[in-house]
Amino acid sequence: MTGQAYKILTLAEHEQLLRDGVFAGSPADLADGFVHLSTAEQVDGTAAKHFADRGALMIAACPVERLGEALRWEPSRGGALFPHLYRALTMDDIAWIRPLPRSADGRYRLPAGDST
């Protein structure tokens, strides 16, 4: 597959990634043995389900070709294929990191023009 996979980060996780240059994962990621990522179409559902009460969020865009063989597409919520990274996320994996905006209706949206 081509395109981008996205990692939703809390502000604390974002700060840790910037400080250390690597992110082994959230507690859920560590428990599952991989870093949970989403496609552009999955970001809103993932944010609503797992981050609704977390306040401000950041989103990191990762070109899938940078993730290499450690990226696997596996069935998850509703049988949809989700990108799972079986190693730590590094700054070299990331094309950009930006705030994840929330619209007036409460839905999370990728920054305009950033879904490719």
Protein backbone atom coordinates (compact mmCIF):
# COMPACT_ATOMS: atom_id res chain seq x y z
CA MET A 1 0.00 0.00 0.00
CA THR A 2 0.99 3.60 -0.49
CA GLY A 3 -0.05 6.83 1.11
CA GLN A 4 0.02 7.80 4.75
CA ALA A 5 -0.66 6.10 8.04
CA TYR A 6 -1.45 8.34 11.00
CA LYS A 7 -0.58 8.16 14.69
CA ILE A 8 -2.79 10.09 17.10
CA LEU A 9 -0.80 11.39 20.06
CA THR A 10 -1.71 13.04 23.32
CA LEU A 11 0.25 16.19 24.10
CA ALA A 12 2.42 14.28 26.59
CA GLU A 13 3.16 11.56 24.01
CA HIS A 14 3.99 14.22 21.42
CA GLU A 15 6.39 15.94 23.82
CA GLN A 16 8.04 12.59 24.63
CA LEU A 17 8.46 11.81 20.90
CA LEU A 18 10.05 15.20 20.25
CA ARG A 19 12.32 14.87 23.28
CA ASP A 20 13.47 11.30 22.64
CA GLY A 21 13.11 11.07 18.86
CA VAL A 22 11.35 7.74 19.29
CA PHE A 23 7.96 6.60 20.57
CA ALA A 24 7.59 2.98 21.69
CA GLY A 25 3.85 3.46 22.04
CA SER A 26 0.99 4.30 24.34
CA PRO A 27 0.01 1.91 27.14
CA ALA A 28 -2.49 0.29 24.72
CA ASP A 29 0.20 -0.03 22.04
CA LEU A 30 2.64 -1.62 24.48
CA ALA A 31 -0.02 -4.04 25.74
CA ASP A 32 -0.90 -5.10 22.17
CA GLY A 33 2.72 -5.37 21.00
CA PHE A 34 2.50 -2.82 18.18
CA VAL A 35 1.93 0.89 17.55
CA HIS A 36 -1.68 1.48 16.48
CA LEU A 37 -1.98 3.62 13.36
CA SER A 38 -4.98 4.67 11.27
CA THR A 39 -5.73 5.55 7.67
CA ALA A 40 -7.17 8.97 6.86
CA GLU A 41 -10.65 7.45 6.83
CA GLN A 42 -10.13 5.81 10.24
CA VAL A 43 -8.73 8.81 12.15
CA ASP A 44 -12.09 10.22 13.29
CA GLY A 45 -13.36 6.86 14.57
CA THR A 46 -10.09 6.09 16.34
CA ALA A 47 -9.97 9.52 17.96
CA ALA A 48 -13.61 9.34 19.05
CA LYS A 49 -13.29 5.82 20.46
CA HIS A 50 -9.91 6.03 22.19
CA PHE A 51 -9.14 9.72 22.74
CA ALA A 52 -12.48 11.50 23.32
CA ASP A 53 -11.62 12.53 26.88
CA ARG A 54 -7.96 13.34 26.29
CA GLY A 55 -8.23 17.02 25.37
CA ALA A 56 -5.97 18.45 22.69
CA LEU A 57 -4.44 15.91 20.34
CA MET A 58 -1.66 15.84 17.78
CA ILE A 59 -1.46 13.74 14.64
CA ALA A 60 1.67 12.42 12.95
CA ALA A 61 1.61 11.50 9.25
CA CYS A 62 3.82 8.58 8.32
CA PRO A 63 4.40 7.73 4.66
CA VAL A 64 3.89 3.98 4.55
CA GLU A 65 7.04 3.43 2.48
CA ARG A 66 9.11 4.77 5.42
CA LEU A 67 7.67 2.15 7.77
CA GLY A 68 9.00 -0.81 5.83
CA GLU A 69 8.32 -4.45 6.65
CA ALA A 70 7.41 -3.62 10.25
CA LEU A 71 4.05 -2.27 9.00
CA ARG A 72 1.27 -4.83 8.78
CA TRP A 73 -2.32 -4.32 7.67
CA GLU A 74 -4.53 -6.30 10.03
CA PRO A 75 -8.27 -6.56 10.68
CA SER A 76 -9.53 -4.59 13.64
CA ARG A 77 -12.63 -2.52 14.40
CA GLY A 78 -15.48 -3.84 12.25
CA GLY A 79 -13.11 -6.06 10.26
CA ALA A 80 -11.44 -3.08 8.57
CA LEU A 81 -7.73 -3.34 7.87
CA PHE A 82 -5.70 -1.08 10.13
CA PRO A 83 -1.99 -0.27 9.87
CA HIS A 84 -0.03 -1.70 12.81
CA LEU A 85 3.65 -0.90 13.30
CA TYR A 86 5.65 -3.68 14.94
CA ARG A 87 8.49 -1.48 16.14
CA ALA A 88 8.89 1.92 17.73
CA LEU A 89 7.89 5.00 15.76
CA THR A 90 10.83 7.30 15.01
CA MET A 91 11.05 10.88 13.84
CA ASP A 92 12.46 9.56 10.53
CA ASP A 93 9.12 7.79 9.97
CA ILE A 94 7.15 11.03 10.18
CA ALA A 95 6.50 13.51 7.36
CA TRP A 96 4.72 16.01 9.61
CA ILE A 97 3.05 16.45 13.01
CA ARG A 98 0.18 18.89 13.54
CA PRO A 99 -2.69 19.51 15.93
CA LEU A 100 -5.68 17.27 15.23
CA PRO A 101 -8.59 19.69 14.93
CA ARG A 102 -12.08 18.97 16.16
CA SER A 103 -14.98 20.44 14.22
CA ALA A 104 -18.05 22.11 15.71
CA ASP A 105 -19.95 18.81 15.50
CA GLY A 106 -17.29 17.14 17.69
CA ARG A 107 -15.70 15.08 14.91
CA TYR A 108 -11.95 14.98 14.49
CA ARG A 109 -10.67 16.02 11.08
CA LEU A 110 -7.29 15.74 9.47
CA PRO A 111 -5.86 19.20 8.72
CA ALA A 112 -7.14 20.35 5.31
CA GLY A 113 -5.17 18.93 2.41
CA ASP A 114 -3.28 16.47 4.58
CA SER A 115 -5.07 13.18 3.91
CA THR A 116 -2.74 11.85 1.22
